[in-house]
Protein backbone atom coordinates (compact mmCIF):
# COMPACT_ATOMS: atom_id res chain seq x y z
CA SER A 1 24.58 -41.05 -20.99
CA GLY A 2 24.17 -42.96 -24.04
CA THR A 3 25.54 -43.54 -27.68
CA VAL A 4 24.47 -42.66 -31.21
CA THR A 5 25.28 -45.23 -33.65
CA ALA A 6 25.27 -45.35 -37.56
CA GLY A 7 25.75 -47.90 -40.37
CA THR A 8 29.03 -46.13 -41.22
CA GLY A 9 31.03 -43.23 -39.65
CA THR A 10 30.55 -41.70 -36.48
CA PRO A 11 27.53 -39.44 -35.73
CA THR A 12 28.19 -35.90 -34.73
CA GLY A 13 26.24 -33.03 -33.24
CA ASN A 14 23.84 -32.99 -30.10
CA VAL A 15 21.47 -35.10 -28.30
CA ALA A 16 18.56 -33.54 -26.52
CA LEU A 17 17.04 -34.56 -23.20
CA MET A 18 13.33 -34.67 -23.62
CA THR A 19 10.28 -35.32 -21.51
CA ASP A 20 6.63 -35.94 -21.80
CA SER A 21 5.87 -33.99 -18.55
CA THR A 22 2.62 -32.13 -18.46
CA GLU A 23 4.30 -29.04 -17.85
CA GLN A 24 5.10 -28.16 -21.60
CA SER A 25 7.78 -25.71 -20.69
CA GLN A 26 9.67 -28.59 -19.13
CA GLN A 27 9.35 -30.99 -22.12
CA GLY A 28 12.90 -29.98 -23.41
CA GLN A 29 15.58 -30.11 -20.72
CA LYS A 30 19.09 -29.73 -22.16
CA PHE A 31 21.62 -30.54 -24.95
CA PHE A 32 24.40 -33.00 -24.66
CA THR A 33 27.22 -32.69 -27.25
CA LEU A 34 28.38 -35.98 -28.86
CA SER A 35 32.12 -37.15 -28.57
CA SER A 36 33.00 -40.14 -30.50
CA GLY A 37 29.35 -41.12 -30.73
CA SER A 38 28.61 -40.93 -27.17
CA TYR A 39 27.26 -38.24 -24.57
CA SER A 40 27.06 -38.05 -20.92
CA GLY A 41 26.20 -35.15 -18.36
CA THR A 42 23.92 -34.39 -15.60
CA THR A 43 20.75 -32.27 -15.02
CA SER A 44 19.22 -30.94 -11.81
CA THR A 45 16.06 -29.20 -13.35
CA LEU A 46 13.86 -32.02 -14.11
CA PRO A 47 10.17 -31.26 -13.14
CA GLY A 48 8.45 -33.19 -10.53
CA GLY A 49 6.03 -36.11 -11.15
CA THR A 50 6.12 -39.32 -13.05
CA TYR A 51 6.55 -39.31 -16.75
CA ASN A 52 9.04 -40.59 -19.60
CA ILE A 53 12.44 -39.32 -20.58
CA TRP A 54 14.41 -39.97 -23.83
CA GLY A 55 17.30 -38.83 -25.87
CA GLN A 56 16.49 -37.16 -29.28
CA TYR A 57 19.29 -37.05 -31.80
CA GLY A 58 18.81 -34.26 -34.43
CA GLY A 59 21.03 -35.74 -37.07
CA ASP A 60 23.98 -34.18 -39.05
CA SER A 61 25.15 -33.85 -42.58
CA ALA A 62 25.59 -37.76 -43.08
CA ASN A 63 23.04 -39.22 -40.57
CA GLY A 64 19.38 -38.73 -39.92
CA PRO A 65 17.58 -38.00 -36.69
CA SER A 66 16.77 -40.82 -34.12
CA LYS A 67 15.06 -41.48 -30.82
CA SER A 68 16.12 -43.58 -27.84
CA GLY A 69 13.53 -45.69 -26.13
CA LEU A 70 11.36 -44.29 -23.35
CA THR A 71 12.63 -44.55 -19.53
CA GLN A 72 9.89 -43.77 -16.88
CA ILE A 73 10.93 -41.87 -13.91
CA THR A 74 9.47 -40.44 -10.92
CA VAL A 75 10.81 -37.03 -9.41
CA ALA A 76 9.64 -36.23 -5.96
CA SER A 77 8.50 -32.52 -5.36
CA GLU A 78 10.91 -30.47 -3.12
CA ALA A 79 10.41 -27.99 -0.40
CA SER A 80 9.74 -24.35 -1.64
CA ALA A 81 9.98 -20.94 -0.21
CA ILE A 82 8.71 -17.39 -0.78
CA ASP A 83 10.82 -14.29 -1.14
CA LEU A 84 8.27 -11.72 -0.37
CA ASN A 85 8.97 -8.07 -1.14
CA LEU A 86 7.29 -4.67 -1.63
CA PHE A 87 8.80 -2.63 -4.22
CA SER A 88 8.63 1.27 -4.45
CA PRO A 89 9.87 3.38 -7.40
CA GLY A 90 13.57 4.09 -7.28
CA ASN A 91 14.12 0.30 -6.83
CA ILE A 92 13.35 0.48 -3.16
CA PHE A 93 12.44 -2.85 -1.53
CA TYR A 94 10.83 -3.98 1.86
CA THR A 95 10.66 -7.19 3.50
CA ALA A 96 9.21 -8.65 6.65
CA SER A 97 12.52 -7.48 8.56
CA LYS A 98 12.76 -4.23 6.52
CA THR A 99 9.30 -2.67 6.64
CA PRO A 100 8.07 0.42 5.00
CA GLY A 101 7.16 1.71 8.61
CA THR A 102 4.19 3.31 10.19
CA SER A 103 3.89 6.47 8.08
CA VAL A 104 3.47 5.32 4.48
CA ASP A 105 1.65 8.19 2.42
CA TYR A 106 -1.59 7.22 0.98
CA GLY A 107 -0.92 6.83 -2.86
CA THR A 108 2.71 5.51 -2.32
CA GLN A 109 3.26 2.54 -4.74
CA LEU A 110 4.01 -0.58 -2.93
CA MET A 111 3.99 -3.53 -5.61
CA VAL A 112 3.67 -6.77 -3.96
CA SER A 113 6.15 -9.34 -5.25
CA ALA A 114 6.36 -13.10 -4.32
CA LEU A 115 9.33 -15.06 -5.77
CA VAL A 116 8.83 -18.81 -5.34
CA ALA A 117 12.09 -20.82 -5.28
CA PRO A 118 13.40 -24.12 -3.88
CA SER A 119 13.92 -23.59 -0.18
CA SER A 120 17.63 -24.29 -0.81
CA GLN A 121 18.00 -21.39 -3.25
CA ALA A 122 15.60 -18.80 -1.82
CA ALA A 123 18.32 -16.71 -0.08
CA ALA A 124 20.42 -16.61 -3.16
CA LEU A 125 17.59 -15.64 -5.33
CA GLN A 126 16.66 -12.65 -2.93
CA SER A 127 20.32 -11.47 -2.97
CA CYS A 128 20.23 -11.73 -6.78
CA VAL A 129 16.99 -9.66 -7.16
CA THR A 130 17.58 -6.97 -4.40
CA ALA A 131 21.32 -6.48 -4.68
CA GLY A 132 22.55 -8.29 -7.91
CA THR A 133 24.74 -10.69 -6.10
CA ASN A 134 24.95 -14.56 -6.13
CA CYS A 135 23.02 -14.72 -9.29
CA SER A 136 25.35 -17.36 -10.62
CA SER A 137 24.16 -19.92 -8.11
CA VAL A 138 20.67 -19.49 -8.96
CA ASN A 139 19.42 -22.42 -11.18
CA PHE A 140 16.20 -24.24 -10.79
CA THR A 141 13.04 -25.32 -12.38
CA VAL A 142 10.51 -22.40 -12.48
CA PRO A 143 7.34 -23.08 -10.33
CA THR A 144 4.08 -22.88 -11.99
CA GLY A 145 0.47 -21.99 -10.70
CA THR A 146 -0.57 -19.00 -8.60
CA VAL A 147 0.45 -17.29 -5.32
CA ASN A 148 -2.29 -16.01 -2.97
CA PHE A 149 -1.86 -12.53 -1.14
CA THR A 150 -3.53 -11.71 1.90
CA ASP A 151 -3.84 -8.39 3.79
CA ASN A 152 -4.77 -8.52 7.48
CA GLY A 153 -5.90 -12.13 6.86
CA GLY A 154 -8.33 -11.27 4.12
CA ALA A 155 -7.84 -11.83 0.46
CA LEU A 156 -5.90 -9.37 -1.52
CA ASN A 157 -5.25 -10.90 -4.76
CA THR A 158 -4.28 -14.19 -6.70
CA ALA A 159 -1.50 -13.59 -9.05
CA LEU A 160 -0.13 -15.93 -11.84
CA ILE A 161 3.57 -16.86 -11.67
CA ASN A 162 5.31 -15.73 -14.50
CA ALA A 163 8.16 -17.21 -16.67
CA GLU A 164 10.75 -15.65 -14.01
CA GLY A 165 8.94 -17.52 -11.06
CA ASP A 166 7.66 -14.08 -9.83
CA ALA A 167 3.99 -13.32 -8.79
CA GLU A 168 3.14 -9.51 -8.56
CA TYR A 169 0.24 -7.38 -7.83
CA ASN A 170 0.31 -3.43 -7.77
CA ALA A 171 -1.89 -2.87 -4.80
CA PRO A 172 -3.85 0.27 -3.85
CA PHE A 173 -3.38 0.20 -0.04
CA THR A 174 -6.12 2.02 2.06
CA VAL A 175 -5.36 4.19 5.01
CA GLY A 176 -4.58 2.17 8.02
CA ALA A 177 -2.56 -0.90 9.35
CA HIS A 178 -1.51 -3.64 6.93
CA SER A 179 -0.13 -7.02 7.24
CA VAL A 180 0.80 -8.43 3.68
CA ALA A 181 1.37 -12.08 3.38
CA ALA A 182 1.83 -14.71 0.88
CA SER A 183 1.05 -18.47 0.16
CA TYR A 184 1.88 -20.83 -2.57
CA PRO A 185 -0.21 -23.99 -3.00
CA GLY A 186 2.63 -25.84 -4.67
CA ASP A 187 2.86 -27.99 -8.01
CA LYS A 188 4.19 -31.32 -9.08
CA SER A 189 7.81 -29.74 -8.61
CA TYR A 190 7.51 -27.96 -5.45
CA ASN A 191 5.49 -28.37 -2.04
CA SER A 192 3.23 -25.54 -0.62
CA SER A 193 4.96 -22.84 1.27
CA THR A 194 4.12 -19.42 3.06
CA ALA A 195 5.93 -16.30 3.57
CA SER A 196 6.17 -14.37 6.79
CA PRO A 197 4.11 -10.94 6.64
CA ILE A 198 5.34 -7.47 5.77
CA THR A 199 3.66 -4.87 8.32
CA PHE A 200 3.07 -1.17 7.49
CA THR A 201 0.73 1.62 8.31
CA VAL A 202 -0.54 4.03 5.52
CA VAL A 203 -1.59 7.54 6.73
CA LYS A 204 -3.52 10.29 5.11
CA ASP A 205 -1.88 12.24 2.43
CA THR A 206 -1.34 15.99 2.66
CA PRO A 207 -2.40 16.95 -1.06
CA THR A 208 -0.84 19.21 -3.29
CA ILE A 209 -2.75 22.46 -4.20
CA LEU A 210 -2.91 23.90 -7.74
CA LEU A 211 -4.55 26.92 -9.04
CA GLY A 212 -5.18 27.39 -12.70
CA TYR A 213 -6.65 30.27 -14.77
CA SER A 214 -8.67 30.54 -17.90
CA SER A 215 -8.46 33.22 -20.41
CA GLU A 216 -4.62 33.58 -19.92
CA ALA A 217 -3.77 34.02 -23.38
CA PHE A 218 -0.04 33.21 -22.82
CA SER A 219 0.27 36.15 -20.66
CA SER A 220 1.42 36.26 -17.03
CA SER A 221 -1.92 37.37 -15.73
CA PRO A 222 -5.61 36.24 -16.67
CA GLN A 223 -7.37 38.36 -19.09
CA ASN A 224 -10.85 39.41 -17.56
CA GLY A 225 -13.56 41.29 -19.32
CA THR A 226 -17.23 42.04 -19.42
CA ASN A 227 -18.15 39.17 -21.81
CA GLN A 228 -15.00 37.12 -20.62
CA PRO A 229 -14.83 36.08 -16.91
CA THR A 230 -11.88 34.49 -15.72
CA VAL A 231 -12.43 30.95 -14.30
CA LEU A 232 -10.31 29.75 -11.36
CA THR A 233 -9.76 26.10 -11.32
CA VAL A 234 -8.57 24.49 -7.82
CA LEU A 235 -7.02 21.06 -7.89
CA ILE A 236 -6.60 19.24 -4.82
CA GLU A 237 -4.36 16.23 -5.75
CA ASN A 238 -2.59 13.41 -4.21
CA LYS A 239 0.96 14.61 -3.42
CA ILE A 240 2.73 11.26 -4.16
CA GLN A 241 0.99 11.05 -7.67
CA ASN A 242 1.95 14.55 -8.37
CA THR A 243 5.67 13.45 -8.61
CA SER A 244 5.48 9.82 -9.10
CA THR A 245 6.03 8.08 -12.51
CA SER A 246 4.23 4.94 -11.23
CA PRO A 247 0.79 5.90 -9.92
CA VAL A 248 -1.65 3.41 -8.32
CA PRO A 249 -5.47 3.36 -8.53
CA ILE A 250 -6.59 5.41 -5.59
CA ALA A 251 -9.52 7.52 -4.53
CA ALA A 252 -9.57 11.22 -5.56
CA PRO A 253 -9.88 13.87 -2.70
CA THR A 254 -13.53 14.61 -2.00
CA GLY A 255 -15.25 17.24 0.24
CA SER A 256 -15.36 20.86 -0.50
CA VAL A 257 -13.01 23.90 -0.98
CA THR A 258 -13.66 27.36 0.35
CA LEU A 259 -12.12 30.38 -1.47
CA THR A 260 -12.05 33.84 0.14
CA SER A 261 -10.50 36.99 -1.31
CA ASN A 262 -10.47 40.72 -1.23
CA LEU A 263 -12.07 41.04 -4.47
CA THR A 264 -15.87 41.48 -4.13
CA GLY A 265 -17.75 38.65 -5.52
CA LEU A 266 -14.87 36.22 -5.55
CA ALA A 267 -15.60 33.83 -2.64
CA GLY A 268 -17.61 30.68 -1.89
CA THR A 269 -17.49 27.18 -1.16
CA VAL A 270 -17.41 24.31 -3.79
CA ALA A 271 -17.83 20.61 -3.45
CA LEU A 272 -15.01 18.65 -5.29
CA SER A 273 -15.51 16.63 -8.46
CA ALA A 274 -13.22 13.64 -9.13
CA GLY A 275 -10.97 14.14 -11.90
CA THR A 276 -7.42 13.85 -13.36
CA ASP A 277 -4.69 16.42 -13.56
CA PRO A 278 -4.00 16.48 -17.30
CA ALA A 279 -0.30 17.54 -16.66
CA THR A 280 0.68 14.82 -14.30
CA LEU A 281 -2.24 12.34 -14.49
CA ALA A 282 -2.54 12.43 -10.60
CA VAL A 283 -5.97 11.94 -9.24
CA ALA A 284 -7.52 15.11 -8.12
CA GLY A 285 -10.64 17.02 -6.50
CA ILE A 286 -11.51 19.80 -8.74
CA ALA A 287 -13.46 22.79 -8.09
CA THR A 288 -13.99 26.27 -10.18
CA PHE A 289 -14.61 29.73 -9.06
CA THR A 290 -15.66 32.48 -11.51
CA VAL A 291 -13.78 36.07 -11.28
CA PRO A 292 -16.80 38.38 -11.54
CA PRO A 293 -16.88 39.86 -15.14
CA GLY A 294 -15.46 43.38 -15.45
CA ALA A 295 -13.13 43.08 -12.30
CA PRO A 296 -10.75 45.90 -12.51
CA THR A 297 -6.98 45.38 -13.05
CA GLY A 298 -5.00 44.34 -9.85
CA THR A 299 -3.44 41.59 -7.87
CA TYR A 300 -5.78 40.26 -5.34
CA ASN A 301 -5.28 38.12 -2.37
CA VAL A 302 -6.89 34.80 -2.07
CA SER A 303 -6.87 32.00 0.60
CA LEU A 304 -8.07 28.43 0.13
CA SER A 305 -9.19 25.86 2.78
CA TYR A 306 -10.19 22.13 2.25
CA THR A 307 -12.22 20.08 4.50
CA GLY A 308 -10.27 16.83 4.09
CA ASP A 309 -11.70 13.31 4.02
CA SER A 310 -10.85 9.82 5.07
CA ASN A 311 -7.80 9.89 2.87
CA TYR A 312 -6.63 13.29 2.77
CA ASN A 313 -5.59 15.83 5.46
CA SER A 314 -7.66 19.11 5.77
CA PHE A 315 -5.82 22.42 5.58
CA SER A 316 -6.60 26.02 5.93
CA GLY A 317 -5.49 29.44 5.01
CA ALA A 318 -3.46 28.64 2.03
CA ALA A 319 -2.79 31.85 0.64
CA GLY A 320 -1.73 33.22 -2.66
CA THR A 321 -2.31 36.13 -5.16
CA ILE A 322 -4.16 36.35 -8.47
CA PRO A 323 -3.09 39.00 -10.90
CA ILE A 324 -6.09 40.29 -13.09
CA THR A 325 -5.83 42.18 -16.21
CA ALA A 326 -9.07 43.84 -17.22
CA ILE A 327 -9.64 43.78 -21.00
CA ASP A 328 -10.78 47.15 -22.61
CA SER A 329 -13.91 46.47 -24.65
CA ASN A 330 -14.89 50.21 -25.21
CA GLY A 331 -15.90 50.63 -28.86
CA LYS A 332 -15.66 46.90 -29.61
CA LYS A 333 -18.41 44.92 -31.02
CA SER A 334 -19.91 41.90 -28.73
CA THR A 335 -19.23 38.47 -29.81
CA THR A 336 -20.45 34.88 -29.02
CA THR A 337 -18.23 31.89 -28.67
CA THR A 338 -19.51 28.27 -28.81
CA ALA A 339 -17.59 25.07 -28.60
CA ALA A 340 -18.42 21.20 -28.96
CA VAL A 341 -16.33 18.15 -28.36
CA SER A 342 -16.67 14.99 -30.41
CA GLY A 343 -14.94 11.56 -30.06
CA ALA A 344 -14.82 9.03 -27.48
CA ILE A 345 -12.84 10.23 -24.49
CA SER A 346 -10.38 8.02 -22.96
CA PRO A 347 -6.66 8.33 -22.14
CA ASN A 348 -5.38 7.22 -25.45
CA SER A 349 -8.16 8.64 -27.63
CA THR A 350 -7.87 11.81 -29.79
CA VAL A 351 -10.99 14.28 -29.67
CA THR A 352 -11.98 16.82 -31.97
CA ILE A 353 -12.72 20.42 -30.69
CA SER A 354 -14.77 22.83 -32.90
CA GLY A 355 -16.80 25.87 -32.50
CA THR A 356 -17.63 29.42 -33.81
CA VAL A 357 -17.19 32.98 -32.79
CA THR A 358 -20.12 35.12 -34.01
CA GLY A 359 -19.82 38.83 -34.12
CA SER A 360 -22.67 41.42 -33.91
CA GLY A 361 -21.51 43.48 -36.81
CA SER A 362 -21.16 42.78 -40.56
CA THR A 363 -17.48 41.74 -40.43
CA ALA A 364 -16.49 38.30 -39.09
CA PRO A 365 -14.26 38.28 -35.97
CA THR A 366 -10.51 37.48 -36.62
CA GLY A 367 -7.53 36.17 -34.43
CA GLY A 368 -7.39 33.01 -32.36
CA VAL A 369 -9.39 31.02 -29.96
CA TYR A 370 -7.53 29.54 -26.75
CA ILE A 371 -8.90 26.05 -25.44
CA TYR A 372 -8.43 25.33 -21.76
CA SER A 373 -8.51 22.16 -19.81
CA SER A 374 -8.70 22.40 -15.89
CA GLY A 375 -7.46 25.84 -16.17
CA ASP A 376 -4.54 25.14 -18.55
CA ILE A 377 -4.12 25.12 -22.39
CA PRO A 378 -3.83 21.26 -23.46
CA THR A 379 -0.48 20.40 -24.58
């Protein structure tokens, strides 16, 4: 409480409670409105430590600003607590008492969140964040510093506490058992604290199988000819990332894919190369097979098998059909097509694709050229 006096008249306006705490975000505390030149009120959010406080009057239309004398105070640190959660897309959350379970698919997003608060308000804060209730009773000085996350006792990540008192980490959890815990070393306002671990088990993903064709030319079946073989692109990709809008950085499937068919010359085993599905941005293991040039028109049966690896389950006998339309090249001159890509390749870059189609006659070829990426026409 205090008063603001002037030579004549009664000052109006507000007085701010200020501090010279080393925590810069806590140097301006709150405003008190003058009433007949006086102000009074309470505050419960002063930071911990020893520092000075004072009243700062901003002035009004008739009176200039002024500042009270400094008063040194010492605010003791208080007990803290950590609300530890794992969040998945769809606003699904898990805690030490409500765990993800023992069959979490590899690739599932489990964002670790540690909310640090006074121990007296931790329950209300948890209720506010996860259920939207008791929010009006949450009011405290936001902790500062970092939170240390561990998994099975080993270091997982050290995350900075943001302005909302939350430390987060988007963790790519491996296949196996996990026990994720959090600890807070404290600051001038809050003592150190730990959170009970959240236990769960990540199991191998059963991948999604995708098959793309080149030379499709916007028709329902791939176009195949003597000088234009059809390339089949097989993508073995993480099932969760195939449908999730919040992927985490995980390993692409490795191993090999075996293809068999009733078309002579279309069979083999190919090692997967790591890549990304351009349509879903899911990580994928990619293999390509070539339909023999000149294959006759028809619908052919194919079967795919995958060896699996430490993160992905194997499968065998994934059956499907491939419709092939043979291109009639009789009486047509042969051509040669070249293509080149320039520009830095990154998720947000633009690349330039250029090339030529050279005919064997005196007249230049006409028409269009389709560009394919992983068996699909890029969008």
